[in-house]
Amino acid sequence: HLERQGRIFQAESGGYFPAGQPAKLDRALVRAVWVLLDFIQRADYHAPADFPVKLVFFADGELYEVACVEDGQEALVCHALRGNKGDSRRIILVDSPAQIAKIDCPGISGFCTVEENGQTHYFKKAGGT
């Protein structure tokens, strides 16, 4: 319906994008969805979220946030994540495991990386988070 109204268009890759804007893939969101897929059998609900969290989901009665931290943005994202008012469990998606030592904010359950093919690797910070 939105396509017929001219409000969205379908790119050759199959994705839909707002009309009047170039098709742009949100790589961080795609990587966050790969993380969600690891929990999808247990997930009751999922939705997109605002920076720096890319998506949220409920699984096993817990709220999870998947936050993406690009290399060099560790301090900015840690500052943005200082408040954890909802007692959510945070999964921090990093570009490389070397970033983990630079990230310190409340509510972190673990860290992960996602390869281009969707392979997800999970990590915990030494000393326990």
N, C-alpha and C. Protein backbone atom coordinates (compact mmCIF):
# COMPACT_ATOMS: atom_id res chain seq x y z
N HIS A 1 0.83 -1.20 0.00
CA HIS A 1 0.00 0.00 0.00
C HIS A 1 0.88 1.26 0.00
N LEU A 2 1.89 1.29 0.86
CA LEU A 2 2.78 2.45 0.91
C LEU A 2 3.56 2.62 -0.38
N GLU A 3 3.90 1.50 -1.01
CA GLU A 3 4.60 1.56 -2.29
C GLU A 3 3.69 2.17 -3.37
N ARG A 4 2.44 1.75 -3.40
CA ARG A 4 1.50 2.30 -4.39
C ARG A 4 1.27 3.79 -4.16
N GLN A 5 1.33 4.23 -2.92
CA GLN A 5 1.16 5.65 -2.60
C GLN A 5 2.41 6.47 -2.91
N GLY A 6 3.51 5.81 -3.23
CA GLY A 6 4.76 6.50 -3.52
C GLY A 6 5.51 6.94 -2.28
N ARG A 7 5.17 6.37 -1.13
CA ARG A 7 5.82 6.75 0.12
C ARG A 7 7.07 5.92 0.40
N ILE A 8 7.16 4.72 -0.19
CA ILE A 8 8.35 3.89 -0.07
C ILE A 8 8.65 3.29 -1.43
N PHE A 9 9.85 2.78 -1.60
CA PHE A 9 10.21 2.07 -2.82
C PHE A 9 11.02 0.84 -2.45
N GLN A 10 11.01 -0.15 -3.34
CA GLN A 10 11.77 -1.36 -3.11
C GLN A 10 13.05 -1.30 -3.93
N ALA A 11 14.18 -1.50 -3.27
CA ALA A 11 15.48 -1.50 -3.94
C ALA A 11 15.68 -2.84 -4.63
N GLU A 12 16.67 -2.89 -5.51
CA GLU A 12 16.97 -4.14 -6.21
C GLU A 12 17.33 -5.26 -5.25
N SER A 13 17.89 -4.89 -4.09
CA SER A 13 18.27 -5.89 -3.09
C SER A 13 17.06 -6.47 -2.38
N GLY A 14 15.89 -5.86 -2.57
CA GLY A 14 14.67 -6.37 -1.96
C GLY A 14 14.20 -5.58 -0.76
N GLY A 15 15.03 -4.72 -0.21
CA GLY A 15 14.64 -3.94 0.95
C GLY A 15 13.76 -2.76 0.56
N TYR A 16 12.97 -2.27 1.51
CA TYR A 16 12.12 -1.11 1.28
C TYR A 16 12.70 0.10 1.97
N PHE A 17 12.62 1.27 1.30
CA PHE A 17 13.20 2.50 1.81
C PHE A 17 12.23 3.65 1.59
N PRO A 18 12.33 4.72 2.42
CA PRO A 18 11.44 5.88 2.24
C PRO A 18 11.67 6.52 0.88
N ALA A 19 10.59 6.96 0.24
CA ALA A 19 10.70 7.64 -1.05
C ALA A 19 11.41 8.97 -0.87
N GLY A 20 12.16 9.37 -1.88
CA GLY A 20 12.87 10.64 -1.85
C GLY A 20 14.21 10.57 -1.15
N GLN A 21 14.59 9.41 -0.67
CA GLN A 21 15.88 9.25 0.00
C GLN A 21 16.62 8.09 -0.67
N PRO A 22 17.94 8.19 -0.71
CA PRO A 22 18.69 7.07 -1.30
C PRO A 22 18.59 5.83 -0.40
N ALA A 23 18.63 4.67 -1.02
CA ALA A 23 18.60 3.41 -0.27
C ALA A 23 19.89 3.29 0.52
N LYS A 24 19.78 3.15 1.83
CA LYS A 24 20.96 3.06 2.67
C LYS A 24 20.75 1.94 3.67
N LEU A 25 21.66 1.01 3.69
CA LEU A 25 21.59 -0.13 4.59
C LEU A 25 22.15 0.26 5.95
N ASP A 26 21.42 -0.03 7.00
CA ASP A 26 21.88 0.22 8.37
C ASP A 26 22.61 -1.04 8.84
N ARG A 27 23.93 -1.05 8.63
CA ARG A 27 24.74 -2.24 8.96
C ARG A 27 24.67 -2.58 10.44
N ALA A 28 24.61 -1.58 11.31
CA ALA A 28 24.54 -1.85 12.75
C ALA A 28 23.24 -2.56 13.09
N LEU A 29 22.14 -2.15 12.47
CA LEU A 29 20.86 -2.81 12.73
C LEU A 29 20.88 -4.24 12.19
N VAL A 30 21.46 -4.45 11.03
CA VAL A 30 21.54 -5.80 10.47
C VAL A 30 22.34 -6.71 11.41
N ARG A 31 23.44 -6.20 11.94
CA ARG A 31 24.24 -6.99 12.87
C ARG A 31 23.47 -7.26 14.16
N ALA A 32 22.71 -6.27 14.64
CA ALA A 32 21.91 -6.46 15.85
C ALA A 32 20.82 -7.51 15.63
N VAL A 33 20.28 -7.57 14.43
CA VAL A 33 19.26 -8.59 14.13
C VAL A 33 19.88 -9.98 14.18
N TRP A 34 21.13 -10.14 13.77
CA TRP A 34 21.80 -11.44 13.89
C TRP A 34 21.87 -11.86 15.35
N VAL A 35 22.10 -10.91 16.25
CA VAL A 35 22.11 -11.23 17.69
C VAL A 35 20.71 -11.66 18.11
N LEU A 36 19.70 -10.92 17.71
CA LEU A 36 18.32 -11.28 18.03
C LEU A 36 17.99 -12.70 17.57
N LEU A 37 18.47 -13.07 16.40
CA LEU A 37 18.17 -14.40 15.87
C LEU A 37 18.70 -15.52 16.76
N ASP A 38 19.75 -15.25 17.53
CA ASP A 38 20.24 -16.25 18.48
C ASP A 38 19.25 -16.48 19.61
N PHE A 39 18.37 -15.52 19.86
CA PHE A 39 17.39 -15.60 20.94
C PHE A 39 15.96 -15.79 20.43
N ILE A 40 15.76 -15.84 19.14
CA ILE A 40 14.43 -15.73 18.55
C ILE A 40 13.45 -16.80 19.04
N GLN A 41 13.92 -18.00 19.34
CA GLN A 41 13.03 -19.06 19.82
C GLN A 41 12.47 -18.74 21.20
N ARG A 42 13.19 -17.91 21.96
CA ARG A 42 12.75 -17.55 23.31
C ARG A 42 12.15 -16.15 23.37
N ALA A 43 12.24 -15.39 22.28
CA ALA A 43 11.80 -13.99 22.27
C ALA A 43 10.28 -13.90 22.15
N ASP A 44 9.70 -13.07 23.01
CA ASP A 44 8.26 -12.82 22.97
C ASP A 44 7.93 -11.58 22.16
N TYR A 45 8.87 -10.65 22.10
CA TYR A 45 8.62 -9.36 21.45
C TYR A 45 9.97 -8.74 21.10
N HIS A 46 10.02 -8.00 20.00
CA HIS A 46 11.22 -7.25 19.65
C HIS A 46 10.82 -5.99 18.90
N ALA A 47 11.66 -4.97 19.01
CA ALA A 47 11.37 -3.69 18.36
C ALA A 47 12.67 -2.91 18.16
N PRO A 48 12.68 -1.98 17.19
CA PRO A 48 13.85 -1.11 17.04
C PRO A 48 13.93 -0.14 18.21
N ALA A 49 15.09 0.44 18.42
CA ALA A 49 15.29 1.37 19.53
C ALA A 49 16.11 2.57 19.06
N ASP A 50 16.36 3.49 19.98
CA ASP A 50 17.10 4.71 19.68
C ASP A 50 18.56 4.60 20.09
N PHE A 51 19.41 5.39 19.45
CA PHE A 51 20.85 5.41 19.69
C PHE A 51 21.14 5.43 21.17
N PRO A 52 22.10 4.66 21.59
CA PRO A 52 22.98 3.73 20.87
C PRO A 52 22.42 2.32 20.79
N VAL A 53 21.26 2.11 21.42
CA VAL A 53 20.62 0.79 21.37
C VAL A 53 19.96 0.66 20.00
N LYS A 54 20.22 -0.45 19.32
CA LYS A 54 19.64 -0.66 17.99
C LYS A 54 18.32 -1.41 18.05
N LEU A 55 18.20 -2.34 19.01
CA LEU A 55 16.93 -3.03 19.17
C LEU A 55 16.78 -3.55 20.59
N VAL A 56 15.53 -3.78 20.95
CA VAL A 56 15.20 -4.35 22.26
C VAL A 56 14.36 -5.59 22.03
N PHE A 57 14.45 -6.52 22.98
CA PHE A 57 13.58 -7.69 22.89
C PHE A 57 13.36 -8.26 24.28
N PHE A 58 12.22 -8.94 24.43
CA PHE A 58 11.91 -9.66 25.65
C PHE A 58 12.14 -11.14 25.38
N ALA A 59 12.87 -11.79 26.26
CA ALA A 59 13.12 -13.23 26.17
C ALA A 59 13.21 -13.78 27.58
N ASP A 60 12.53 -14.87 27.82
CA ASP A 60 12.56 -15.52 29.14
C ASP A 60 12.21 -14.56 30.27
N GLY A 61 11.28 -13.64 30.00
CA GLY A 61 10.84 -12.69 31.02
C GLY A 61 11.81 -11.56 31.30
N GLU A 62 12.83 -11.40 30.50
CA GLU A 62 13.84 -10.35 30.69
C GLU A 62 13.85 -9.42 29.49
N LEU A 63 14.14 -8.15 29.75
CA LEU A 63 14.29 -7.16 28.69
C LEU A 63 15.77 -7.09 28.31
N TYR A 64 16.06 -7.25 27.04
CA TYR A 64 17.42 -7.15 26.52
C TYR A 64 17.52 -5.94 25.60
N GLU A 65 18.67 -5.29 25.65
CA GLU A 65 19.00 -4.21 24.72
C GLU A 65 20.26 -4.62 23.97
N VAL A 66 20.26 -4.42 22.67
CA VAL A 66 21.46 -4.67 21.88
C VAL A 66 21.97 -3.29 21.45
N ALA A 67 23.10 -2.90 22.03
CA ALA A 67 23.72 -1.61 21.73
C ALA A 67 24.94 -1.83 20.85
N CYS A 68 25.06 -1.01 19.83
CA CYS A 68 26.20 -1.12 18.91
C CYS A 68 27.22 -0.05 19.23
N VAL A 69 28.48 -0.47 19.38
CA VAL A 69 29.58 0.45 19.67
C VAL A 69 30.61 0.32 18.57
N GLU A 70 30.65 1.31 17.69
CA GLU A 70 31.65 1.30 16.63
C GLU A 70 33.01 1.65 17.22
N ASP A 71 34.05 1.16 16.58
CA ASP A 71 35.42 1.43 17.02
C ASP A 71 35.64 2.93 17.10
N GLY A 72 36.13 3.41 18.24
CA GLY A 72 36.36 4.83 18.45
C GLY A 72 35.21 5.56 19.12
N GLN A 73 34.06 4.90 19.26
CA GLN A 73 32.88 5.52 19.86
C GLN A 73 32.59 5.01 21.27
N GLU A 74 33.54 4.34 21.89
CA GLU A 74 33.32 3.71 23.18
C GLU A 74 32.91 4.72 24.26
N ALA A 75 33.63 5.83 24.40
CA ALA A 75 33.32 6.82 25.44
C ALA A 75 31.95 7.44 25.22
N LEU A 76 31.63 7.77 23.99
CA LEU A 76 30.33 8.37 23.67
C LEU A 76 29.19 7.43 24.05
N VAL A 77 29.30 6.19 23.65
CA VAL A 77 28.23 5.22 23.92
C VAL A 77 28.14 4.92 25.42
N CYS A 78 29.27 4.80 26.11
CA CYS A 78 29.23 4.57 27.56
C CYS A 78 28.51 5.71 28.26
N HIS A 79 28.78 6.93 27.83
CA HIS A 79 28.10 8.08 28.43
C HIS A 79 26.59 8.01 28.16
N ALA A 80 26.21 7.64 26.94
CA ALA A 80 24.79 7.54 26.59
C ALA A 80 24.08 6.43 27.35
N LEU A 81 24.81 5.39 27.75
CA LEU A 81 24.22 4.24 28.43
C LEU A 81 24.35 4.30 29.95
N ARG A 82 24.75 5.43 30.51
CA ARG A 82 24.97 5.52 31.95
C ARG A 82 23.74 5.14 32.76
N GLY A 83 22.59 5.55 32.36
CA GLY A 83 21.38 5.21 33.10
C GLY A 83 20.85 3.86 32.65
N ASN A 84 20.48 3.01 33.59
CA ASN A 84 19.88 1.71 33.26
C ASN A 84 18.61 1.60 34.09
N LYS A 85 17.69 2.54 33.84
CA LYS A 85 16.49 2.66 34.65
C LYS A 85 15.57 1.46 34.56
N GLY A 86 15.58 0.78 33.43
CA GLY A 86 14.67 -0.34 33.25
C GLY A 86 15.23 -1.69 33.66
N ASP A 87 16.40 -1.71 34.26
CA ASP A 87 17.04 -2.96 34.65
C ASP A 87 17.12 -3.95 33.50
N SER A 88 17.41 -3.44 32.31
CA SER A 88 17.54 -4.32 31.15
C SER A 88 18.91 -4.97 31.15
N ARG A 89 19.00 -6.06 30.43
CA ARG A 89 20.28 -6.74 30.23
C ARG A 89 20.83 -6.24 28.90
N ARG A 90 22.04 -5.75 28.92
CA ARG A 90 22.62 -5.18 27.71
C ARG A 90 23.61 -6.13 27.07
N ILE A 91 23.45 -6.28 25.77
CA ILE A 91 24.42 -7.00 24.95
C ILE A 91 25.08 -5.93 24.10
N ILE A 92 26.38 -5.79 24.26
CA ILE A 92 27.11 -4.74 23.56
C ILE A 92 27.77 -5.35 22.32
N LEU A 93 27.37 -4.88 21.17
CA LEU A 93 27.88 -5.35 19.89
C LEU A 93 29.05 -4.46 19.50
N VAL A 94 30.24 -5.05 19.40
CA VAL A 94 31.46 -4.30 19.09
C VAL A 94 32.02 -4.73 17.74
N ASP A 95 32.86 -3.87 17.19
CA ASP A 95 33.53 -4.21 15.93
C ASP A 95 34.63 -5.23 16.15
N SER A 96 35.31 -5.14 17.32
CA SER A 96 36.38 -6.09 17.62
C SER A 96 36.46 -6.30 19.12
N PRO A 97 36.92 -7.48 19.55
CA PRO A 97 37.05 -7.76 20.99
C PRO A 97 37.98 -6.79 21.72
N ALA A 98 38.90 -6.14 21.01
CA ALA A 98 39.81 -5.19 21.64
C ALA A 98 39.07 -4.01 22.27
N GLN A 99 37.88 -3.71 21.82
CA GLN A 99 37.09 -2.60 22.35
C GLN A 99 36.54 -2.89 23.75
N ILE A 100 36.40 -4.14 24.10
CA ILE A 100 35.72 -4.52 25.34
C ILE A 100 36.35 -3.86 26.56
N ALA A 101 37.66 -3.79 26.62
CA ALA A 101 38.34 -3.18 27.76
C ALA A 101 38.02 -1.70 27.91
N LYS A 102 37.58 -1.04 26.84
CA LYS A 102 37.29 0.39 26.86
C LYS A 102 35.84 0.69 27.23
N ILE A 103 35.03 -0.33 27.46
CA ILE A 103 33.60 -0.13 27.68
C ILE A 103 33.25 -0.47 29.12
N ASP A 104 32.67 0.51 29.82
CA ASP A 104 32.27 0.30 31.20
C ASP A 104 30.99 1.10 31.46
N CYS A 105 29.89 0.42 31.49
CA CYS A 105 28.61 1.05 31.82
C CYS A 105 27.72 0.00 32.46
N PRO A 106 26.68 0.42 33.17
CA PRO A 106 25.86 -0.54 33.92
C PRO A 106 25.02 -1.46 33.03
N GLY A 107 24.72 -2.62 33.58
CA GLY A 107 23.77 -3.52 32.95
C GLY A 107 24.31 -4.40 31.85
N ILE A 108 25.61 -4.46 31.67
CA ILE A 108 26.17 -5.26 30.58
C ILE A 108 26.13 -6.74 30.95
N SER A 109 25.45 -7.52 30.13
CA SER A 109 25.41 -8.97 30.31
C SER A 109 26.52 -9.65 29.54
N GLY A 110 26.93 -9.04 28.43
CA GLY A 110 27.98 -9.62 27.61
C GLY A 110 28.25 -8.76 26.40
N PHE A 111 29.24 -9.19 25.64
CA PHE A 111 29.67 -8.50 24.44
C PHE A 111 29.62 -9.48 23.28
N CYS A 112 29.56 -8.96 22.06
CA CYS A 112 29.60 -9.85 20.91
C CYS A 112 30.15 -9.13 19.69
N THR A 113 30.57 -9.93 18.75
CA THR A 113 30.93 -9.47 17.41
C THR A 113 30.07 -10.26 16.43
N VAL A 114 29.84 -9.68 15.27
CA VAL A 114 29.07 -10.37 14.22
C VAL A 114 29.84 -10.26 12.92
N GLU A 115 30.14 -11.40 12.33
CA GLU A 115 30.84 -11.43 11.05
C GLU A 115 29.87 -11.14 9.92
N GLU A 116 30.41 -10.84 8.76
CA GLU A 116 29.58 -10.51 7.58
C GLU A 116 28.56 -11.61 7.26
N ASN A 117 28.92 -12.87 7.51
CA ASN A 117 28.02 -13.98 7.20
C ASN A 117 27.00 -14.24 8.31
N GLY A 118 27.01 -13.40 9.36
CA GLY A 118 26.06 -13.56 10.45
C GLY A 118 26.57 -14.37 11.63
N GLN A 119 27.75 -14.92 11.53
CA GLN A 119 28.32 -15.69 12.64
C GLN A 119 28.53 -14.75 13.83
N THR A 120 27.96 -15.10 14.97
CA THR A 120 28.03 -14.26 16.16
C THR A 120 28.93 -14.92 17.21
N HIS A 121 29.83 -14.12 17.80
CA HIS A 121 30.73 -14.60 18.83
C HIS A 121 30.47 -13.78 20.10
N TYR A 122 30.27 -14.47 21.22
CA TYR A 122 29.96 -13.81 22.49
C TYR A 122 31.16 -13.83 23.42
N PHE A 123 31.27 -12.75 24.23
CA PHE A 123 32.39 -12.58 25.15
C PHE A 123 31.88 -12.03 26.47
N LYS A 124 32.63 -12.27 27.52
CA LYS A 124 32.42 -11.64 28.83
C LYS A 124 33.70 -10.89 29.15
N LYS A 125 33.56 -9.78 29.86
CA LYS A 125 34.74 -9.02 30.27
C LYS A 125 35.41 -9.74 31.42
N ALA A 126 36.72 -9.85 31.39
CA ALA A 126 37.46 -10.47 32.50
C ALA A 126 37.19 -9.67 33.76
N GLY A 127 36.97 -10.36 34.85
CA GLY A 127 36.64 -9.68 36.09
C GLY A 127 35.14 -9.66 36.33
N GLY A 128 34.38 -10.10 35.33
CA GLY A 128 32.95 -10.29 35.48
C GLY A 128 32.11 -9.04 35.36
N THR A 129 31.32 -8.99 34.30
CA THR A 129 30.27 -7.99 34.18
C THR A 129 28.96 -8.71 34.07
